[in-house]
Amino acid sequence: MLEVAFLIALAIGVGVAELSATAIIAVMALAWLLICLFELAVWAEGPRFPALQRRTPAAEEPDEVTPTDTVEPAAITEIRETEQPRGRFWRRRAS
C-alpha cells in the first residue's frame, strides 16, 4: 500500500510541476524501477521467522484393547419442545 501511495503521490507531484510528457514518463519509470528493486531486496532477505516444522511423535506401540475395555456408546436422546405454528402478529392468541 505504501508503494502504491508513493507512486500516486509522485504522479500527482510531477503533474503539478507541469513537466513534459517525456519527463513524467521517465520519472514514473524510475520510481517504478526503485519499487521493483526494493521488492527484490525484501524478497531476497527471506522470511524473518523460520517456518514452523511439525514434529512427528515417536512411534509408540499402541496399547492392546481387550473386549472388556470397550464401552458401548450411550443412546443419544434429544428433547425438543413442540413448536406451535405462528400466525400473523395481529391474529395471535393470547397465551
PDB file of N, CA and C in Angstrom:
ATOM      1  N   MET A   1       0.824  -1.193   0.000  1.00  0.00           N
ATOM      2  CA  MET A   1       0.000   0.000   0.000  1.00  0.00           C
ATOM      3  C   MET A   1       0.872   1.261   0.000  1.00  0.00           C
ATOM      4  N   LEU A   2       1.974   1.196   0.735  1.00  0.00           N
ATOM      5  CA  LEU A   2       2.841   2.371   0.765  1.00  0.00           C
ATOM      6  C   LEU A   2       3.470   2.624  -0.603  1.00  0.00           C
ATOM      7  N   GLU A   3       3.771   1.547  -1.306  1.00  0.00           N
ATOM      8  CA  GLU A   3       4.380   1.701  -2.629  1.00  0.00           C
ATOM      9  C   GLU A   3       3.400   2.345  -3.599  1.00  0.00           C
ATOM     10  N   VAL A   4       2.167   1.903  -3.536  1.00  0.00           N
ATOM     11  CA  VAL A   4       1.143   2.479  -4.417  1.00  0.00           C
ATOM     12  C   VAL A   4       0.922   3.944  -4.062  1.00  0.00           C
ATOM     13  N   ALA A   5       0.867   4.244  -2.771  1.00  0.00           N
ATOM     14  CA  ALA A   5       0.688   5.630  -2.342  1.00  0.00           C
ATOM     15  C   ALA A   5       1.868   6.486  -2.804  1.00  0.00           C
ATOM     16  N   PHE A   6       3.068   5.920  -2.741  1.00  0.00           N
ATOM     17  CA  PHE A   6       4.253   6.653  -3.208  1.00  0.00           C
ATOM     18  C   PHE A   6       4.143   6.963  -4.697  1.00  0.00           C
ATOM     19  N   LEU A   7       3.766   5.959  -5.487  1.00  0.00           N
ATOM     20  CA  LEU A   7       3.667   6.181  -6.938  1.00  0.00           C
ATOM     21  C   LEU A   7       2.576   7.189  -7.281  1.00  0.00           C
ATOM     22  N   ILE A   8       1.458   7.122  -6.582  1.00  0.00           N
ATOM     23  CA  ILE A   8       0.362   8.062  -6.839  1.00  0.00           C
ATOM     24  C   ILE A   8       0.778   9.477  -6.447  1.00  0.00           C
ATOM     25  N   ALA A   9       1.409   9.611  -5.273  1.00  0.00           N
ATOM     26  CA  ALA A   9       1.850  10.935  -4.830  1.00  0.00           C
ATOM     27  C   ALA A   9       2.895  11.504  -5.788  1.00  0.00           C
ATOM     28  N   LEU A  10       3.779  10.657  -6.270  1.00  0.00           N
ATOM     29  CA  LEU A  10       4.792  11.105  -7.220  1.00  0.00           C
ATOM     30  C   LEU A  10       4.151  11.553  -8.531  1.00  0.00           C
ATOM     31  N   ALA A  11       3.167  10.804  -8.995  1.00  0.00           N
ATOM     32  CA  ALA A  11       2.486  11.176 -10.238  1.00  0.00           C
ATOM     33  C   ALA A  11       1.769  12.514 -10.080  1.00  0.00           C
ATOM     34  N   ILE A  12       1.136  12.716  -8.939  1.00  0.00           N
ATOM     35  CA  ILE A  12       0.454  13.996  -8.699  1.00  0.00           C
ATOM     36  C   ILE A  12       1.478  15.128  -8.635  1.00  0.00           C
ATOM     37  N   GLY A  13       2.590  14.872  -7.934  1.00  0.00           N
ATOM     38  CA  GLY A  13       3.627  15.895  -7.818  1.00  0.00           C
ATOM     39  C   GLY A  13       4.240  16.256  -9.156  1.00  0.00           C
ATOM     40  N   VAL A  14       4.494  15.273  -9.976  1.00  0.00           N
ATOM     41  CA  VAL A  14       5.074  15.528 -11.298  1.00  0.00           C
ATOM     42  C   VAL A  14       4.062  16.246 -12.187  1.00  0.00           C
ATOM     43  N   GLY A  15       2.795  15.887 -12.037  1.00  0.00           N
ATOM     44  CA  GLY A  15       1.764  16.569 -12.821  1.00  0.00           C
ATOM     45  C   GLY A  15       1.609  18.023 -12.417  1.00  0.00           C
ATOM     46  N   VAL A  16       1.686  18.302 -11.125  1.00  0.00           N
ATOM     47  CA  VAL A  16       1.572  19.678 -10.638  1.00  0.00           C
ATOM     48  C   VAL A  16       2.790  20.498 -11.069  1.00  0.00           C
ATOM     49  N   ALA A  17       3.957  19.838 -11.181  1.00  0.00           N
ATOM     50  CA  ALA A  17       5.178  20.532 -11.588  1.00  0.00           C
ATOM     51  C   ALA A  17       5.168  20.926 -13.060  1.00  0.00           C
ATOM     52  N   GLU A  18       4.149  20.454 -13.775  1.00  0.00           N
ATOM     53  CA  GLU A  18       3.965  20.783 -15.195  1.00  0.00           C
ATOM     54  C   GLU A  18       5.186  20.434 -16.039  1.00  0.00           C
ATOM     55  N   LEU A  19       5.695  19.203 -15.846  1.00  0.00           N
ATOM     56  CA  LEU A  19       6.800  18.725 -16.672  1.00  0.00           C
ATOM     57  C   LEU A  19       6.256  18.203 -17.992  1.00  0.00           C
ATOM     58  N   SER A  20       7.129  17.998 -18.935  1.00  0.00           N
ATOM     59  CA  SER A  20       6.709  17.473 -20.235  1.00  0.00           C
ATOM     60  C   SER A  20       6.306  15.996 -20.080  1.00  0.00           C
ATOM     61  N   ALA A  21       5.612  15.509 -21.057  1.00  0.00           N
ATOM     62  CA  ALA A  21       5.148  14.118 -21.008  1.00  0.00           C
ATOM     63  C   ALA A  21       6.322  13.153 -20.940  1.00  0.00           C
ATOM     64  N   THR A  22       7.389  13.462 -21.651  1.00  0.00           N
ATOM     65  CA  THR A  22       8.573  12.603 -21.639  1.00  0.00           C
ATOM     66  C   THR A  22       9.214  12.579 -20.253  1.00  0.00           C
ATOM     67  N   ALA A  23       9.272  13.716 -19.596  1.00  0.00           N
ATOM     68  CA  ALA A  23       9.851  13.785 -18.255  1.00  0.00           C
ATOM     69  C   ALA A  23       8.972  13.028 -17.256  1.00  0.00           C
ATOM     70  N   ILE A  24       7.672  13.164 -17.383  1.00  0.00           N
ATOM     71  CA  ILE A  24       6.754  12.446 -16.481  1.00  0.00           C
ATOM     72  C   ILE A  24       6.940  10.951 -16.646  1.00  0.00           C
ATOM     73  N   ILE A  25       7.030  10.478 -17.888  1.00  0.00           N
ATOM     74  CA  ILE A  25       7.217   9.041 -18.134  1.00  0.00           C
ATOM     75  C   ILE A  25       8.551   8.571 -17.564  1.00  0.00           C
ATOM     76  N   ALA A  26       9.589   9.377 -17.731  1.00  0.00           N
ATOM     77  CA  ALA A  26      10.910   8.999 -17.219  1.00  0.00           C
ATOM     78  C   ALA A  26      10.911   8.936 -15.689  1.00  0.00           C
ATOM     79  N   VAL A  27      10.306   9.915 -15.047  1.00  0.00           N
ATOM     80  CA  VAL A  27      10.259   9.932 -13.574  1.00  0.00           C
ATOM     81  C   VAL A  27       9.454   8.753 -13.055  1.00  0.00           C
ATOM     82  N   MET A  28       8.320   8.460 -13.673  1.00  0.00           N
ATOM     83  CA  MET A  28       7.487   7.344 -13.213  1.00  0.00           C
ATOM     84  C   MET A  28       8.180   6.002 -13.461  1.00  0.00           C
ATOM     85  N   ALA A  29       8.892   5.878 -14.581  1.00  0.00           N
ATOM     86  CA  ALA A  29       9.633   4.639 -14.849  1.00  0.00           C
ATOM     87  C   ALA A  29      10.746   4.449 -13.828  1.00  0.00           C
ATOM     88  N   LEU A  30      11.442   5.533 -13.489  1.00  0.00           N
ATOM     89  CA  LEU A  30      12.492   5.459 -12.478  1.00  0.00           C
ATOM     90  C   LEU A  30      11.906   5.085 -11.111  1.00  0.00           C
ATOM     91  N   ALA A  31      10.761   5.661 -10.760  1.00  0.00           N
ATOM     92  CA  ALA A  31      10.114   5.339  -9.486  1.00  0.00           C
ATOM     93  C   ALA A  31       9.671   3.882  -9.470  1.00  0.00           C
ATOM     94  N   TRP A  32       9.130   3.403 -10.587  1.00  0.00           N
ATOM     95  CA  TRP A  32       8.704   2.002 -10.660  1.00  0.00           C
ATOM     96  C   TRP A  32       9.907   1.076 -10.523  1.00  0.00           C
ATOM     97  N   LEU A  33      11.029   1.443 -11.139  1.00  0.00           N
ATOM     98  CA  LEU A  33      12.257   0.656 -11.021  1.00  0.00           C
ATOM     99  C   LEU A  33      12.743   0.633  -9.563  1.00  0.00           C
ATOM    100  N   LEU A  34      12.669   1.757  -8.885  1.00  0.00           N
ATOM    101  CA  LEU A  34      13.032   1.808  -7.468  1.00  0.00           C
ATOM    102  C   LEU A  34      12.157   0.871  -6.636  1.00  0.00           C
ATOM    103  N   ILE A  35      10.873   0.864  -6.907  1.00  0.00           N
ATOM    104  CA  ILE A  35       9.949  -0.013  -6.188  1.00  0.00           C
ATOM    105  C   ILE A  35      10.296  -1.472  -6.457  1.00  0.00           C
ATOM    106  N   CYS A  36      10.608  -1.798  -7.706  1.00  0.00           N
ATOM    107  CA  CYS A  36      10.975  -3.179  -8.046  1.00  0.00           C
ATOM    108  C   CYS A  36      12.248  -3.607  -7.332  1.00  0.00           C
ATOM    109  N   LEU A  37      13.236  -2.731  -7.277  1.00  0.00           N
ATOM    110  CA  LEU A  37      14.471  -3.057  -6.567  1.00  0.00           C
ATOM    111  C   LEU A  37      14.231  -3.241  -5.070  1.00  0.00           C
ATOM    112  N   PHE A  38      13.369  -2.409  -4.514  1.00  0.00           N
ATOM    113  CA  PHE A  38      13.018  -2.554  -3.099  1.00  0.00           C
ATOM    114  C   PHE A  38      12.345  -3.895  -2.844  1.00  0.00           C
ATOM    115  N   GLU A  39      11.397  -4.257  -3.709  1.00  0.00           N
ATOM    116  CA  GLU A  39      10.703  -5.545  -3.564  1.00  0.00           C
ATOM    117  C   GLU A  39      11.689  -6.705  -3.699  1.00  0.00           C
ATOM    118  N   LEU A  40      12.626  -6.606  -4.613  1.00  0.00           N
ATOM    119  CA  LEU A  40      13.623  -7.653  -4.802  1.00  0.00           C
ATOM    120  C   LEU A  40      14.503  -7.795  -3.566  1.00  0.00           C
ATOM    121  N   ALA A  41      14.881  -6.682  -2.967  1.00  0.00           N
ATOM    122  CA  ALA A  41      15.710  -6.725  -1.758  1.00  0.00           C
ATOM    123  C   ALA A  41      14.949  -7.363  -0.601  1.00  0.00           C
ATOM    124  N   VAL A  42      13.686  -7.037  -0.466  1.00  0.00           N
ATOM    125  CA  VAL A  42      12.873  -7.626   0.614  1.00  0.00           C
ATOM    126  C   VAL A  42      12.680  -9.117   0.366  1.00  0.00           C
ATOM    127  N   TRP A  43      12.452  -9.496  -0.890  1.00  0.00           N
ATOM    128  CA  TRP A  43      12.256 -10.906  -1.219  1.00  0.00           C
ATOM    129  C   TRP A  43      13.532 -11.700  -0.975  1.00  0.00           C
ATOM    130  N   ALA A  44      14.693 -11.137  -1.322  1.00  0.00           N
ATOM    131  CA  ALA A  44      15.961 -11.842  -1.164  1.00  0.00           C
ATOM    132  C   ALA A  44      16.318 -12.024   0.312  1.00  0.00           C
ATOM    133  N   GLU A  45      15.829 -11.128   1.132  1.00  0.00           N
ATOM    134  CA  GLU A  45      16.111 -11.233   2.564  1.00  0.00           C
ATOM    135  C   GLU A  45      15.504 -12.504   3.144  1.00  0.00           C
ATOM    136  N   GLY A  46      14.406 -12.948   2.586  1.00  0.00           N
ATOM    137  CA  GLY A  46      13.764 -14.174   3.043  1.00  0.00           C
ATOM    138  C   GLY A  46      12.873 -13.926   4.241  1.00  0.00           C
ATOM    139  N   PRO A  47      12.253 -14.988   4.705  1.00  0.00           N
ATOM    140  CA  PRO A  47      11.342 -14.825   5.843  1.00  0.00           C
ATOM    141  C   PRO A  47      12.125 -14.463   7.104  1.00  0.00           C
ATOM    142  N   ARG A  48      11.548 -13.630   7.895  1.00  0.00           N
ATOM    143  CA  ARG A  48      12.208 -13.202   9.126  1.00  0.00           C
ATOM    144  C   ARG A  48      12.123 -14.279  10.193  1.00  0.00           C
ATOM    145  N   PHE A  49      11.063 -15.037  10.161  1.00  0.00           N
ATOM    146  CA  PHE A  49      10.882 -16.119  11.119  1.00  0.00           C
ATOM    147  C   PHE A  49      10.917 -17.437  10.361  1.00  0.00           C
ATOM    148  N   PRO A  50      11.677 -18.401  10.836  1.00  0.00           N
ATOM    149  CA  PRO A  50      11.711 -19.677  10.119  1.00  0.00           C
ATOM    150  C   PRO A  50      10.345 -20.352  10.166  1.00  0.00           C
ATOM    151  N   ALA A  51      10.054 -21.087   9.134  1.00  0.00           N
ATOM    152  CA  ALA A  51       8.778 -21.789   9.084  1.00  0.00           C
ATOM    153  C   ALA A  51       8.725 -22.834  10.188  1.00  0.00           C
ATOM    154  N   LEU A  52       7.569 -22.944  10.786  1.00  0.00           N
ATOM    155  CA  LEU A  52       7.410 -23.940  11.842  1.00  0.00           C
ATOM    156  C   LEU A  52       7.389 -25.327  11.219  1.00  0.00           C
ATOM    157  N   GLN A  53       8.122 -26.218  11.818  1.00  0.00           N
ATOM    158  CA  GLN A  53       8.141 -27.589  11.340  1.00  0.00           C
ATOM    159  C   GLN A  53       7.388 -28.449  12.343  1.00  0.00           C
ATOM    160  N   ARG A  54       6.509 -29.241  11.818  1.00  0.00           N
ATOM    161  CA  ARG A  54       5.754 -30.134  12.695  1.00  0.00           C
ATOM    162  C   ARG A  54       6.607 -31.338  13.040  1.00  0.00           C
ATOM    163  N   ARG A  55       6.642 -31.635  14.283  1.00  0.00           N
ATOM    164  CA  ARG A  55       7.396 -32.810  14.712  1.00  0.00           C
ATOM    165  C   ARG A  55       6.440 -33.984  14.810  1.00  0.00           C
ATOM    166  N   THR A  56       6.851 -35.076  14.247  1.00  0.00           N
ATOM    167  CA  THR A  56       6.024 -36.264  14.342  1.00  0.00           C
ATOM    168  C   THR A  56       6.377 -36.971  15.636  1.00  0.00           C
ATOM    169  N   PRO A  57       5.377 -37.394  16.385  1.00  0.00           N
ATOM    170  CA  PRO A  57       5.670 -38.072  17.646  1.00  0.00           C
ATOM    171  C   PRO A  57       6.388 -39.392  17.372  1.00  0.00           C
ATOM    172  N   ALA A  58       7.181 -39.769  18.327  1.00  0.00           N
ATOM    173  CA  ALA A  58       7.914 -41.028  18.186  1.00  0.00           C
ATOM    174  C   ALA A  58       6.913 -42.169  18.047  1.00  0.00           C
ATOM    175  N   ALA A  59       7.300 -43.134  17.237  1.00  0.00           N
ATOM    176  CA  ALA A  59       6.403 -44.267  17.012  1.00  0.00           C
ATOM    177  C   ALA A  59       6.273 -45.076  18.311  1.00  0.00           C
ATOM    178  N   GLU A  60       5.076 -45.060  18.826  1.00  0.00           N
ATOM    179  CA  GLU A  60       4.810 -45.818  20.040  1.00  0.00           C
ATOM    180  C   GLU A  60       3.939 -47.004  19.684  1.00  0.00           C
ATOM    181  N   GLU A  61       4.132 -48.046  20.414  1.00  0.00           N
ATOM    182  CA  GLU A  61       3.296 -49.213  20.178  1.00  0.00           C
ATOM    183  C   GLU A  61       1.942 -48.955  20.810  1.00  0.00           C
ATOM    184  N   PRO A  62       0.867 -49.170  20.064  1.00  0.00           N
ATOM    185  CA  PRO A  62      -0.463 -48.919  20.628  1.00  0.00           C
ATOM    186  C   PRO A  62      -0.786 -49.947  21.715  1.00  0.00           C
ATOM    187  N   ASP A  63      -1.501 -49.474  22.697  1.00  0.00           N
ATOM    188  CA  ASP A  63      -1.939 -50.379  23.751  1.00  0.00           C
ATOM    189  C   ASP A  63      -2.953 -51.351  23.166  1.00  0.00           C
ATOM    190  N   GLU A  64      -2.850 -52.559  23.605  1.00  0.00           N
ATOM    191  CA  GLU A  64      -3.812 -53.536  23.128  1.00  0.00           C
ATOM    192  C   GLU A  64      -5.122 -53.335  23.876  1.00  0.00           C
ATOM    193  N   VAL A  65      -6.192 -53.315  23.127  1.00  0.00           N
ATOM    194  CA  VAL A  65      -7.514 -53.119  23.719  1.00  0.00           C
ATOM    195  C   VAL A  65      -8.205 -54.467  23.764  1.00  0.00           C
ATOM    196  N   THR A  66      -8.619 -54.821  24.936  1.00  0.00           N
ATOM    197  CA  THR A  66      -9.341 -56.077  25.083  1.00  0.00           C
ATOM    198  C   THR A  66     -10.827 -55.793  25.016  1.00  0.00           C
ATOM    199  N   PRO A  67     -11.635 -56.784  24.680  1.00  0.00           N
ATOM    200  CA  PRO A  67     -13.078 -56.556  24.582  1.00  0.00           C
ATOM    201  C   PRO A  67     -13.694 -56.069  25.889  1.00  0.00           C
ATOM    202  N   THR A  68     -13.095 -56.342  27.020  1.00  0.00           N
ATOM    203  CA  THR A  68     -13.677 -55.884  28.283  1.00  0.00           C
ATOM    204  C   THR A  68     -13.435 -54.396  28.487  1.00  0.00           C
ATOM    205  N   ASP A  69     -12.439 -53.834  27.768  1.00  0.00           N
ATOM    206  CA  ASP A  69     -12.147 -52.419  27.926  1.00  0.00           C
ATOM    207  C   ASP A  69     -13.059 -51.530  27.084  1.00  0.00           C
ATOM    208  N   THR A  70     -13.728 -52.080  26.108  1.00  0.00           N
ATOM    209  CA  THR A  70     -14.554 -51.260  25.237  1.00  0.00           C
ATOM    210  C   THR A  70     -15.832 -50.864  25.946  1.00  0.00           C
ATOM    211  N   VAL A  71     -16.310 -49.696  25.632  1.00  0.00           N
ATOM    212  CA  VAL A  71     -17.531 -49.176  26.240  1.00  0.00           C
ATOM    213  C   VAL A  71     -18.515 -48.906  25.117  1.00  0.00           C
ATOM    214  N   GLU A  72     -19.725 -49.340  25.288  1.00  0.00           N
ATOM    215  CA  GLU A  72     -20.766 -49.086  24.298  1.00  0.00           C
ATOM    216  C   GLU A  72     -21.182 -47.621  24.391  1.00  0.00           C
ATOM    217  N   PRO A  73     -21.355 -46.956  23.263  1.00  0.00           N
ATOM    218  CA  PRO A  73     -21.797 -45.562  23.335  1.00  0.00           C
ATOM    219  C   PRO A  73     -23.221 -45.473  23.862  1.00  0.00           C
ATOM    220  N   ALA A  74     -23.451 -44.469  24.648  1.00  0.00           N
ATOM    221  CA  ALA A  74     -24.786 -44.282  25.218  1.00  0.00           C
ATOM    222  C   ALA A  74     -25.749 -43.864  24.117  1.00  0.00           C
ATOM    223  N   ALA A  75     -26.982 -44.231  24.299  1.00  0.00           N
ATOM    224  CA  ALA A  75     -28.002 -43.853  23.331  1.00  0.00           C
ATOM    225  C   ALA A  75     -28.202 -42.343  23.397  1.00  0.00           C
ATOM    226  N   ILE A  76     -28.282 -41.734  22.250  1.00  0.00           N
ATOM    227  CA  ILE A  76     -28.444 -40.283  22.187  1.00  0.00           C
ATOM    228  C   ILE A  76     -29.926 -39.975  22.136  1.00  0.00           C
ATOM    229  N   THR A  77     -30.334 -39.150  23.058  1.00  0.00           N
ATOM    230  CA  THR A  77     -31.743 -38.742  23.064  1.00  0.00           C
ATOM    231  C   THR A  77     -31.805 -37.241  22.927  1.00  0.00           C
ATOM    232  N   GLU A  78     -32.754 -36.797  22.190  1.00  0.00           N
ATOM    233  CA  GLU A  78     -32.948 -35.373  22.016  1.00  0.00           C
ATOM    234  C   GLU A  78     -34.289 -34.993  22.592  1.00  0.00           C
ATOM    235  N   ILE A  79     -34.285 -33.920  23.318  1.00  0.00           N
ATOM    236  CA  ILE A  79     -35.530 -33.412  23.887  1.00  0.00           C
ATOM    237  C   ILE A  79     -35.855 -32.127  23.148  1.00  0.00           C
ATOM    238  N   ARG A  80     -36.943 -32.161  22.463  1.00  0.00           N
ATOM    239  CA  ARG A  80     -37.360 -30.981  21.722  1.00  0.00           C
ATOM    240  C   ARG A  80     -38.737 -30.563  22.203  1.00  0.00           C
ATOM    241  N   GLU A  81     -38.882 -29.264  22.359  1.00  0.00           N
ATOM    242  CA  GLU A  81     -40.191 -28.748  22.711  1.00  0.00           C
ATOM    243  C   GLU A  81     -41.007 -28.644  21.438  1.00  0.00           C
ATOM    244  N   THR A  82     -42.276 -28.913  21.570  1.00  0.00           N
ATOM    245  CA  THR A  82     -43.125 -28.818  20.390  1.00  0.00           C
ATOM    246  C   THR A  82     -43.335 -27.353  20.061  1.00  0.00           C
ATOM    247  N   GLU A  83     -43.166 -27.057  18.810  1.00  0.00           N
ATOM    248  CA  GLU A  83     -43.336 -25.680  18.369  1.00  0.00           C
ATOM    249  C   GLU A  83     -44.706 -25.532  17.740  1.00  0.00           C
ATOM    250  N   GLN A  84     -45.392 -24.510  18.167  1.00  0.00           N
ATOM    251  CA  GLN A  84     -46.702 -24.248  17.591  1.00  0.00           C
ATOM    252  C   GLN A  84     -46.519 -23.316  16.407  1.00  0.00           C
ATOM    253  N   PRO A  85     -47.258 -23.550  15.355  1.00  0.00           N
ATOM    254  CA  PRO A  85     -47.127 -22.653  14.210  1.00  0.00           C
ATOM    255  C   PRO A  85     -47.540 -21.237  14.599  1.00  0.00           C
ATOM    256  N   ARG A  86     -46.783 -20.288  14.128  1.00  0.00           N
ATOM    257  CA  ARG A  86     -47.065 -18.908  14.482  1.00  0.00           C
ATOM    258  C   ARG A  86     -47.920 -18.273  13.403  1.00  0.00           C
ATOM    259  N   GLY A  87     -48.915 -17.590  13.827  1.00  0.00           N
ATOM    260  CA  GLY A  87     -49.769 -16.861  12.892  1.00  0.00           C
ATOM    261  C   GLY A  87     -49.256 -15.455  12.738  1.00  0.00           C
ATOM    262  N   ARG A  88     -50.012 -14.668  12.081  1.00  0.00           N
ATOM    263  CA  ARG A  88     -49.613 -13.280  11.925  1.00  0.00           C
ATOM    264  C   ARG A  88     -49.766 -12.572  13.258  1.00  0.00           C
ATOM    265  N   PHE A  89     -48.955 -11.514  13.441  1.00  0.00           N
ATOM    266  CA  PHE A  89     -48.897 -10.923  14.766  1.00  0.00           C
ATOM    267  C   PHE A  89     -50.236 -10.349  15.214  1.00  0.00           C
ATOM    268  N   TRP A  90     -51.104  -9.933  14.304  1.00  0.00           N
ATOM    269  CA  TRP A  90     -52.388  -9.398  14.739  1.00  0.00           C
ATOM    270  C   TRP A  90     -53.416 -10.491  14.977  1.00  0.00           C
ATOM    271  N   ARG A  91     -53.081 -11.727  14.621  1.00  0.00           N
ATOM    272  CA  ARG A  91     -54.015 -12.819  14.827  1.00  0.00           C
ATOM    273  C   ARG A  91     -53.534 -13.780  15.915  1.00  0.00           C
ATOM    274  N   ARG A  92     -52.541 -13.421  16.646  1.00  0.00           N
ATOM    275  CA  ARG A  92     -52.051 -14.309  17.689  1.00  0.00           C
ATOM    276  C   ARG A  92     -53.059 -14.415  18.813  1.00  0.00           C
ATOM    277  N   ARG A  93     -53.111 -15.619  19.347  1.00  0.00           N
ATOM    278  CA  ARG A  93     -53.993 -15.817  20.500  1.00  0.00           C
ATOM    279  C   ARG A  93     -53.250 -15.436  21.764  1.00  0.00           C
ATOM    280  N   ALA A  94     -53.952 -14.970  22.708  1.00  0.00           N
ATOM    281  CA  ALA A  94     -53.342 -14.630  23.988  1.00  0.00           C
ATOM    282  C   ALA A  94     -52.982 -15.930  24.704  1.00  0.00           C
ATOM    283  N   SER A  95     -51.756 -16.031  25.178  1.00  0.00           N
ATOM    284  CA  SER A  95     -51.311 -17.242  25.854  1.00  0.00           C
ATOM    285  C   SER A  95     -51.408 -17.100  27.334  1.00  0.00           C
TER     286      SER A  95
END
